[in-house]
């Protein structure tokens, strides 16, 4: 149980940041206009990711899955910025 909870807290934080960041960047208009809405949406998304972590069979699986998804999401944010698809 503690492994799944810690997976929801640590890599779940970065996964939530990546999800909210992608939503903010992919909406039309400048990303600055979605900053407040993204900050307000971050906490409920993080709580949802945290709760979904308890559906995994073990803490190790939760850490691996959340870590991989968080890395992929943050890598996608980095790639979108490097390719200048977002401003």
PDB file of N, CA and C in Angstrom:
ATOM      1  N   UNK A   1       0.810  -1.185   0.000  1.00  0.00           N
ATOM      2  CA  UNK A   1       0.000   0.000   0.000  1.00  0.00           C
ATOM      3  C   UNK A   1       0.861   1.260   0.000  1.00  0.00           C
ATOM      4  N   UNK A   2       1.924   1.275   0.785  1.00  0.00           N
ATOM      5  CA  UNK A   2       2.781   2.458   0.833  1.00  0.00           C
ATOM      6  C   UNK A   2       3.511   2.668  -0.485  1.00  0.00           C
ATOM      7  N   UNK A   3       3.848   1.584  -1.170  1.00  0.00           N
ATOM      8  CA  UNK A   3       4.512   1.715  -2.466  1.00  0.00           C
ATOM      9  C   UNK A   3       3.601   2.363  -3.493  1.00  0.00           C
ATOM     10  N   UNK A   4       2.337   1.965  -3.497  1.00  0.00           N
ATOM     11  CA  UNK A   4       1.391   2.561  -4.436  1.00  0.00           C
ATOM     12  C   UNK A   4       1.096   4.014  -4.076  1.00  0.00           C
ATOM     13  N   UNK A   5       1.023   4.299  -2.781  1.00  0.00           N
ATOM     14  CA  UNK A   5       0.778   5.676  -2.351  1.00  0.00           C
ATOM     15  C   UNK A   5       1.954   6.579  -2.711  1.00  0.00           C
ATOM     16  N   UNK A   6       3.164   6.092  -2.474  1.00  0.00           N
ATOM     17  CA  UNK A   6       4.330   6.917  -2.811  1.00  0.00           C
ATOM     18  C   UNK A   6       4.478   7.076  -4.320  1.00  0.00           C
ATOM     19  N   UNK A   7       4.042   6.076  -5.079  1.00  0.00           N
ATOM     20  CA  UNK A   7       4.061   6.221  -6.544  1.00  0.00           C
ATOM     21  C   UNK A   7       3.072   7.283  -6.992  1.00  0.00           C
ATOM     22  N   UNK A   8       1.946   7.376  -6.324  1.00  0.00           N
ATOM     23  CA  UNK A   8       0.983   8.421  -6.655  1.00  0.00           C
ATOM     24  C   UNK A   8       1.477   9.802  -6.277  1.00  0.00           C
ATOM     25  N   UNK A   9       2.332   9.869  -5.248  1.00  0.00           N
ATOM     26  CA  UNK A   9       2.820  11.170  -4.793  1.00  0.00           C
ATOM     27  C   UNK A   9       3.979  11.659  -5.657  1.00  0.00           C
ATOM     28  N   UNK A  10       5.010  10.836  -5.831  1.00  0.00           N
ATOM     29  CA  UNK A  10       6.234  11.325  -6.478  1.00  0.00           C
ATOM     30  C   UNK A  10       6.127  11.317  -8.005  1.00  0.00           C
ATOM     31  N   UNK A  11       6.108  10.151  -8.678  1.00  0.00           N
ATOM     32  CA  UNK A  11       5.988  10.231 -10.140  1.00  0.00           C
ATOM     33  C   UNK A  11       4.597  10.679 -10.576  1.00  0.00           C
ATOM     34  N   UNK A  12       3.595  10.484  -9.706  1.00  0.00           N
ATOM     35  CA  UNK A  12       2.256  10.975 -10.021  1.00  0.00           C
ATOM     36  C   UNK A  12       2.213  12.487 -10.123  1.00  0.00           C
ATOM     37  N   UNK A  13       3.033  13.161  -9.314  1.00  0.00           N
ATOM     38  CA  UNK A  13       3.144  14.617  -9.394  1.00  0.00           C
ATOM     39  C   UNK A  13       3.645  15.039 -10.776  1.00  0.00           C
ATOM     40  N   UNK A  14       4.696  14.379 -11.243  1.00  0.00           N
ATOM     41  CA  UNK A  14       5.263  14.737 -12.538  1.00  0.00           C
ATOM     42  C   UNK A  14       4.339  14.334 -13.687  1.00  0.00           C
ATOM     43  N   UNK A  15       3.629  13.226 -13.535  1.00  0.00           N
ATOM     44  CA  UNK A  15       2.651  12.830 -14.542  1.00  0.00           C
ATOM     45  C   UNK A  15       1.524  13.854 -14.611  1.00  0.00           C
ATOM     46  N   UNK A  16       1.054  14.317 -13.473  1.00  0.00           N
ATOM     47  CA  UNK A  16       0.000  15.331 -13.450  1.00  0.00           C
ATOM     48  C   UNK A  16       0.488  16.641 -14.060  1.00  0.00           C
ATOM     49  N   UNK A  17       1.718  17.005 -13.755  1.00  0.00           N
ATOM     50  CA  UNK A  17       2.282  18.226 -14.340  1.00  0.00           C
ATOM     51  C   UNK A  17       2.370  18.103 -15.861  1.00  0.00           C
ATOM     52  N   UNK A  18       2.755  16.944 -16.347  1.00  0.00           N
ATOM     53  CA  UNK A  18       2.842  16.737 -17.791  1.00  0.00           C
ATOM     54  C   UNK A  18       1.455  16.790 -18.436  1.00  0.00           C
ATOM     55  N   UNK A  19       0.467  16.179 -17.802  1.00  0.00           N
ATOM     56  CA  UNK A  19      -0.887  16.189 -18.362  1.00  0.00           C
ATOM     57  C   UNK A  19      -1.463  17.599 -18.407  1.00  0.00           C
ATOM     58  N   UNK A  20      -1.303  18.340 -17.327  1.00  0.00           N
ATOM     59  CA  UNK A  20      -1.819  19.712 -17.298  1.00  0.00           C
ATOM     60  C   UNK A  20      -1.026  20.600 -18.253  1.00  0.00           C
ATOM     61  N   UNK A  21       0.276  20.376 -18.344  1.00  0.00           N
ATOM     62  CA  UNK A  21       1.095  21.147 -19.277  1.00  0.00           C
ATOM     63  C   UNK A  21       0.719  20.886 -20.723  1.00  0.00           C
ATOM     64  N   UNK A  22       0.481  19.630 -21.052  1.00  0.00           N
ATOM     65  CA  UNK A  22       0.057  19.308 -22.423  1.00  0.00           C
ATOM     66  C   UNK A  22      -1.297  19.932 -22.734  1.00  0.00           C
ATOM     67  N   UNK A  23      -2.214  19.868 -21.788  1.00  0.00           N
ATOM     68  CA  UNK A  23      -3.527  20.481 -22.014  1.00  0.00           C
ATOM     69  C   UNK A  23      -3.399  21.988 -22.174  1.00  0.00           C
ATOM     70  N   UNK A  24      -2.533  22.603 -21.394  1.00  0.00           N
ATOM     71  CA  UNK A  24      -2.355  24.054 -21.493  1.00  0.00           C
ATOM     72  C   UNK A  24      -1.718  24.459 -22.805  1.00  0.00           C
ATOM     73  N   UNK A  25      -0.763  23.676 -23.256  1.00  0.00           N
ATOM     74  CA  UNK A  25      -0.065  24.026 -24.491  1.00  0.00           C
ATOM     75  C   UNK A  25      -0.876  23.700 -25.735  1.00  0.00           C
ATOM     76  N   UNK A  26      -1.717  22.696 -25.684  1.00  0.00           N
ATOM     77  CA  UNK A  26      -2.438  22.286 -26.884  1.00  0.00           C
ATOM     78  C   UNK A  26      -3.751  23.037 -27.086  1.00  0.00           C
ATOM     79  N   UNK A  27      -4.167  23.809 -26.087  1.00  0.00           N
ATOM     80  CA  UNK A  27      -5.354  24.639 -26.275  1.00  0.00           C
ATOM     81  C   UNK A  27      -5.003  25.817 -27.188  1.00  0.00           C
ATOM     82  N   UNK A  28      -5.979  26.330 -27.926  1.00  0.00           N
ATOM     83  CA  UNK A  28      -5.679  27.473 -28.799  1.00  0.00           C
ATOM     84  C   UNK A  28      -5.346  28.713 -27.984  1.00  0.00           C
ATOM     85  N   UNK A  29      -4.500  29.538 -28.548  1.00  0.00           N
ATOM     86  CA  UNK A  29      -4.080  30.763 -27.890  1.00  0.00           C
ATOM     87  C   UNK A  29      -2.770  30.569 -27.156  1.00  0.00           C
ATOM     88  N   UNK A  30      -2.258  31.643 -26.583  1.00  0.00           N
ATOM     89  CA  UNK A  30      -0.983  31.537 -25.864  1.00  0.00           C
ATOM     90  C   UNK A  30      -1.160  30.756 -24.565  1.00  0.00           C
ATOM     91  N   UNK A  31      -0.113  30.038 -24.177  1.00  0.00           N
ATOM     92  CA  UNK A  31      -0.195  29.210 -22.971  1.00  0.00           C
ATOM     93  C   UNK A  31      -0.323  30.062 -21.718  1.00  0.00           C
ATOM     94  N   UNK A  32       0.092  31.321 -21.772  1.00  0.00           N
ATOM     95  CA  UNK A  32      -0.011  32.191 -20.610  1.00  0.00           C
ATOM     96  C   UNK A  32      -1.465  32.412 -20.198  1.00  0.00           C
ATOM     97  N   UNK A  33      -2.371  32.353 -21.166  1.00  0.00           N
ATOM     98  CA  UNK A  33      -3.785  32.559 -20.848  1.00  0.00           C
ATOM     99  C   UNK A  33      -4.385  31.365 -20.113  1.00  0.00           C
ATOM    100  N   UNK A  34      -3.731  30.223 -20.131  1.00  0.00           N
ATOM    101  CA  UNK A  34      -4.235  29.030 -19.441  1.00  0.00           C
ATOM    102  C   UNK A  34      -3.476  28.754 -18.143  1.00  0.00           C
ATOM    103  N   UNK A  35      -2.625  29.659 -17.733  1.00  0.00           N
ATOM    104  CA  UNK A  35      -1.789  29.436 -16.557  1.00  0.00           C
ATOM    105  C   UNK A  35      -2.609  29.289 -15.273  1.00  0.00           C
ATOM    106  N   UNK A  36      -3.553  30.176 -15.044  1.00  0.00           N
ATOM    107  CA  UNK A  36      -4.350  30.119 -13.823  1.00  0.00           C
ATOM    108  C   UNK A  36      -5.261  28.895 -13.837  1.00  0.00           C
ATOM    109  N   UNK A  37      -5.891  28.644 -14.971  1.00  0.00           N
ATOM    110  CA  UNK A  37      -6.759  27.469 -15.069  1.00  0.00           C
ATOM    111  C   UNK A  37      -5.957  26.178 -14.894  1.00  0.00           C
ATOM    112  N   UNK A  38      -4.755  26.127 -15.449  1.00  0.00           N
ATOM    113  CA  UNK A  38      -3.910  24.949 -15.276  1.00  0.00           C
ATOM    114  C   UNK A  38      -3.471  24.754 -13.841  1.00  0.00           C
ATOM    115  N   UNK A  39      -3.168  25.862 -13.163  1.00  0.00           N
ATOM    116  CA  UNK A  39      -2.782  25.770 -11.748  1.00  0.00           C
ATOM    117  C   UNK A  39      -3.949  25.294 -10.898  1.00  0.00           C
ATOM    118  N   UNK A  40      -5.152  25.736 -11.225  1.00  0.00           N
ATOM    119  CA  UNK A  40      -6.329  25.282 -10.486  1.00  0.00           C
ATOM    120  C   UNK A  40      -6.675  23.831 -10.803  1.00  0.00           C
ATOM    121  N   UNK A  41      -6.439  23.398 -12.025  1.00  0.00           N
ATOM    122  CA  UNK A  41      -6.765  22.026 -12.416  1.00  0.00           C
ATOM    123  C   UNK A  41      -5.714  21.032 -11.965  1.00  0.00           C
ATOM    124  N   UNK A  42      -4.523  21.496 -11.629  1.00  0.00           N
ATOM    125  CA  UNK A  42      -3.440  20.576 -11.296  1.00  0.00           C
ATOM    126  C   UNK A  42      -3.765  19.712 -10.084  1.00  0.00           C
ATOM    127  N   UNK A  43      -4.252  20.308  -9.010  1.00  0.00           N
ATOM    128  CA  UNK A  43      -4.484  19.537  -7.787  1.00  0.00           C
ATOM    129  C   UNK A  43      -5.526  18.439  -7.979  1.00  0.00           C
ATOM    130  N   UNK A  44      -6.692  18.705  -8.601  1.00  0.00           N
ATOM    131  CA  UNK A  44      -7.635  17.597  -8.827  1.00  0.00           C
ATOM    132  C   UNK A  44      -7.070  16.500  -9.737  1.00  0.00           C
ATOM    133  N   UNK A  45      -6.272  16.889 -10.719  1.00  0.00           N
ATOM    134  CA  UNK A  45      -5.651  15.874 -11.584  1.00  0.00           C
ATOM    135  C   UNK A  45      -4.679  15.032 -10.773  1.00  0.00           C
ATOM    136  N   UNK A  46      -3.902  15.669  -9.914  1.00  0.00           N
ATOM    137  CA  UNK A  46      -2.940  14.939  -9.082  1.00  0.00           C
ATOM    138  C   UNK A  46      -3.650  13.996  -8.120  1.00  0.00           C
ATOM    139  N   UNK A  47      -4.745  14.436  -7.534  1.00  0.00           N
ATOM    140  CA  UNK A  47      -5.515  13.566  -6.637  1.00  0.00           C
ATOM    141  C   UNK A  47      -6.086  12.387  -7.420  1.00  0.00           C
ATOM    142  N   UNK A  48      -6.557  12.625  -8.630  1.00  0.00           N
ATOM    143  CA  UNK A  48      -7.065  11.531  -9.454  1.00  0.00           C
ATOM    144  C   UNK A  48      -5.983  10.526  -9.808  1.00  0.00           C
ATOM    145  N   UNK A  49      -4.811  11.010 -10.160  1.00  0.00           N
ATOM    146  CA  UNK A  49      -3.690  10.128 -10.470  1.00  0.00           C
ATOM    147  C   UNK A  49      -3.285   9.349  -9.221  1.00  0.00           C
ATOM    148  N   UNK A  50      -3.270  10.027  -8.071  1.00  0.00           N
ATOM    149  CA  UNK A  50      -2.939   9.371  -6.808  1.00  0.00           C
ATOM    150  C   UNK A  50      -3.917   8.232  -6.514  1.00  0.00           C
ATOM    151  N   UNK A  51      -5.203   8.492  -6.686  1.00  0.00           N
ATOM    152  CA  UNK A  51      -6.217   7.468  -6.410  1.00  0.00           C
ATOM    153  C   UNK A  51      -6.137   6.304  -7.394  1.00  0.00           C
ATOM    154  N   UNK A  52      -5.838   6.591  -8.646  1.00  0.00           N
ATOM    155  CA  UNK A  52      -5.717   5.515  -9.633  1.00  0.00           C
ATOM    156  C   UNK A  52      -4.515   4.616  -9.361  1.00  0.00           C
ATOM    157  N   UNK A  53      -3.553   5.118  -8.599  1.00  0.00           N
ATOM    158  CA  UNK A  53      -2.389   4.307  -8.260  1.00  0.00           C
ATOM    159  C   UNK A  53      -2.732   3.087  -7.437  1.00  0.00           C
ATOM    160  N   UNK A  54      -3.846   3.117  -6.719  1.00  0.00           N
ATOM    161  CA  UNK A  54      -4.243   1.978  -5.898  1.00  0.00           C
ATOM    162  C   UNK A  54      -4.874   0.852  -6.711  1.00  0.00           C
ATOM    163  N   UNK A  55      -5.081   1.072  -7.999  1.00  0.00           N
ATOM    164  CA  UNK A  55      -5.593   0.013  -8.860  1.00  0.00           C
ATOM    165  C   UNK A  55      -4.492  -0.941  -9.325  1.00  0.00           C
ATOM    166  N   UNK A  56      -3.238  -0.569  -9.146  1.00  0.00           N
ATOM    167  CA  UNK A  56      -2.128  -1.433  -9.539  1.00  0.00           C
ATOM    168  C   UNK A  56      -1.998  -2.593  -8.549  1.00  0.00           C
ATOM    169  N   UNK A  57      -1.440  -3.695  -9.024  1.00  0.00           N
ATOM    170  CA  UNK A  57      -1.278  -4.877  -8.162  1.00  0.00           C
ATOM    171  C   UNK A  57      -0.199  -4.695  -7.116  1.00  0.00           C
ATOM    172  N   UNK A  58       0.822  -3.929  -7.440  1.00  0.00           N
ATOM    173  CA  UNK A  58       1.921  -3.737  -6.487  1.00  0.00           C
ATOM    174  C   UNK A  58       2.475  -2.324  -6.634  1.00  0.00           C
ATOM    175  N   UNK A  59       3.244  -1.935  -5.633  1.00  0.00           N
ATOM    176  CA  UNK A  59       3.871  -0.628  -5.671  1.00  0.00           C
ATOM    177  C   UNK A  59       4.910  -0.518  -6.770  1.00  0.00           C
ATOM    178  N   UNK A  60       5.603  -1.626  -7.029  1.00  0.00           N
ATOM    179  CA  UNK A  60       6.625  -1.613  -8.079  1.00  0.00           C
ATOM    180  C   UNK A  60       5.997  -1.362  -9.448  1.00  0.00           C
ATOM    181  N   UNK A  61       4.863  -1.992  -9.710  1.00  0.00           N
ATOM    182  CA  UNK A  61       4.182  -1.768 -10.996  1.00  0.00           C
ATOM    183  C   UNK A  61       3.695  -0.324 -11.113  1.00  0.00           C
ATOM    184  N   UNK A  62       3.210   0.217 -10.006  1.00  0.00           N
ATOM    185  CA  UNK A  62       2.754   1.606 -10.028  1.00  0.00           C
ATOM    186  C   UNK A  62       3.920   2.548 -10.287  1.00  0.00           C
ATOM    187  N   UNK A  63       5.049   2.308  -9.625  1.00  0.00           N
ATOM    188  CA  UNK A  63       6.225   3.150  -9.843  1.00  0.00           C
ATOM    189  C   UNK A  63       6.702   3.063 -11.289  1.00  0.00           C
ATOM    190  N   UNK A  64       6.751   1.869 -11.837  1.00  0.00           N
ATOM    191  CA  UNK A  64       7.219   1.697 -13.221  1.00  0.00           C
ATOM    192  C   UNK A  64       6.270   2.384 -14.200  1.00  0.00           C
ATOM    193  N   UNK A  65       4.975   2.152 -14.038  1.00  0.00           N
ATOM    194  CA  UNK A  65       4.005   2.731 -14.973  1.00  0.00           C
ATOM    195  C   UNK A  65       3.971   4.254 -14.860  1.00  0.00           C
ATOM    196  N   UNK A  66       3.855   4.764 -13.643  1.00  0.00           N
ATOM    197  CA  UNK A  66       3.799   6.209 -13.472  1.00  0.00           C
ATOM    198  C   UNK A  66       5.115   6.874 -13.878  1.00  0.00           C
ATOM    199  N   UNK A  67       6.214   6.230 -13.576  1.00  0.00           N
ATOM    200  CA  UNK A  67       7.504   6.778 -13.982  1.00  0.00           C
ATOM    201  C   UNK A  67       7.643   6.833 -15.495  1.00  0.00           C
ATOM    202  N   UNK A  68       7.211   5.764 -16.169  1.00  0.00           N
ATOM    203  CA  UNK A  68       7.300   5.735 -17.632  1.00  0.00           C
ATOM    204  C   UNK A  68       6.371   6.764 -18.264  1.00  0.00           C
ATOM    205  N   UNK A  69       5.131   6.838 -17.770  1.00  0.00           N
ATOM    206  CA  UNK A  69       4.191   7.813 -18.329  1.00  0.00           C
ATOM    207  C   UNK A  69       4.628   9.246 -18.044  1.00  0.00           C
ATOM    208  N   UNK A  70       5.168   9.489 -16.860  1.00  0.00           N
ATOM    209  CA  UNK A  70       5.645  10.831 -16.531  1.00  0.00           C
ATOM    210  C   UNK A  70       6.829  11.214 -17.417  1.00  0.00           C
ATOM    211  N   UNK A  71       7.753  10.281 -17.600  1.00  0.00           N
ATOM    212  CA  UNK A  71       8.901  10.560 -18.463  1.00  0.00           C
ATOM    213  C   UNK A  71       8.455  10.808 -19.903  1.00  0.00           C
ATOM    214  N   UNK A  72       7.511  10.005 -20.386  1.00  0.00           N
ATOM    215  CA  UNK A  72       7.017  10.192 -21.750  1.00  0.00           C
ATOM    216  C   UNK A  72       6.298  11.531 -21.899  1.00  0.00           C
ATOM    217  N   UNK A  73       5.497  11.904 -20.913  1.00  0.00           N
ATOM    218  CA  UNK A  73       4.784  13.174 -20.979  1.00  0.00           C
ATOM    219  C   UNK A  73       5.722  14.365 -20.939  1.00  0.00           C
ATOM    220  N   UNK A  74       6.706  14.314 -20.051  1.00  0.00           N
ATOM    221  CA  UNK A  74       7.665  15.412 -19.973  1.00  0.00           C
ATOM    222  C   UNK A  74       8.561  15.460 -21.209  1.00  0.00           C
ATOM    223  N   UNK A  75       8.892  14.291 -21.759  1.00  0.00           N
ATOM    224  CA  UNK A  75       9.658  14.249 -22.998  1.00  0.00           C
ATOM    225  C   UNK A  75       8.846  14.839 -24.156  1.00  0.00           C
ATOM    226  N   UNK A  76       7.560  14.568 -24.175  1.00  0.00           N
ATOM    227  CA  UNK A  76       6.704  15.138 -25.208  1.00  0.00           C
ATOM    228  C   UNK A  76       6.621  16.658 -25.071  1.00  0.00           C
ATOM    229  N   UNK A  77       6.513  17.153 -23.848  1.00  0.00           N
ATOM    230  CA  UNK A  77       6.530  18.603 -23.645  1.00  0.00           C
ATOM    231  C   UNK A  77       7.842  19.216 -24.133  1.00  0.00           C
ATOM    232  N   UNK A  78       8.928  18.570 -23.812  1.00  0.00           N
ATOM    233  CA  UNK A  78      10.243  19.061 -24.248  1.00  0.00           C
ATOM    234  C   UNK A  78      10.342  19.042 -25.775  1.00  0.00           C
ATOM    235  N   UNK A  79       9.865  17.944 -26.405  1.00  0.00           N
ATOM    236  CA  UNK A  79       9.941  17.829 -27.862  1.00  0.00           C
ATOM    237  C   UNK A  79       9.071  18.880 -28.544  1.00  0.00           C
ATOM    238  N   UNK A  80       7.882  19.115 -28.027  1.00  0.00           N
ATOM    239  CA  UNK A  80       7.016  20.136 -28.617  1.00  0.00           C
ATOM    240  C   UNK A  80       7.669  21.507 -28.564  1.00  0.00           C
ATOM    241  N   UNK A  81       8.371  21.771 -27.488  1.00  0.00           N
ATOM    242  CA  UNK A  81       9.049  23.071 -27.382  1.00  0.00           C
ATOM    243  C   UNK A  81      10.271  23.138 -28.293  1.00  0.00           C
ATOM    244  N   UNK A  82      11.037  22.065 -28.395  1.00  0.00           N
ATOM    245  CA  UNK A  82      12.219  22.057 -29.250  1.00  0.00           C
ATOM    246  C   UNK A  82      11.853  22.175 -30.721  1.00  0.00           C
ATOM    247  N   UNK A  83      10.742  21.533 -31.112  1.00  0.00           N
ATOM    248  CA  UNK A  83      10.308  21.598 -32.505  1.00  0.00           C
ATOM    249  C   UNK A  83       9.547  22.887 -32.793  1.00  0.00           C
ATOM    250  N   UNK A  84       9.369  23.719 -31.778  1.00  0.00           N
ATOM    251  CA  UNK A  84       8.668  24.987 -31.863  1.00  0.00           C
ATOM    252  C   UNK A  84       7.238  24.824 -32.373  1.00  0.00           C
ATOM    253  N   UNK A  85       6.590  23.771 -31.917  1.00  0.00           N
ATOM    254  CA  UNK A  85       5.170  23.573 -32.239  1.00  0.00           C
ATOM    255  C   UNK A  85       4.302  24.330 -31.259  1.00  0.00           C
ATOM    256  N   UNK A  86       4.864  24.723 -30.141  1.00  0.00           N
ATOM    257  CA  UNK A  86       4.166  25.563 -29.165  1.00  0.00           C
ATOM    258  C   UNK A  86       5.040  26.759 -28.863  1.00  0.00           C
ATOM    259  N   UNK A  87       4.417  27.823 -28.478  1.00  0.00           N
ATOM    260  CA  UNK A  87       5.160  29.052 -28.169  1.00  0.00           C
ATOM    261  C   UNK A  87       4.975  29.409 -26.722  1.00  0.00           C
TER     262      UNK A  87
END
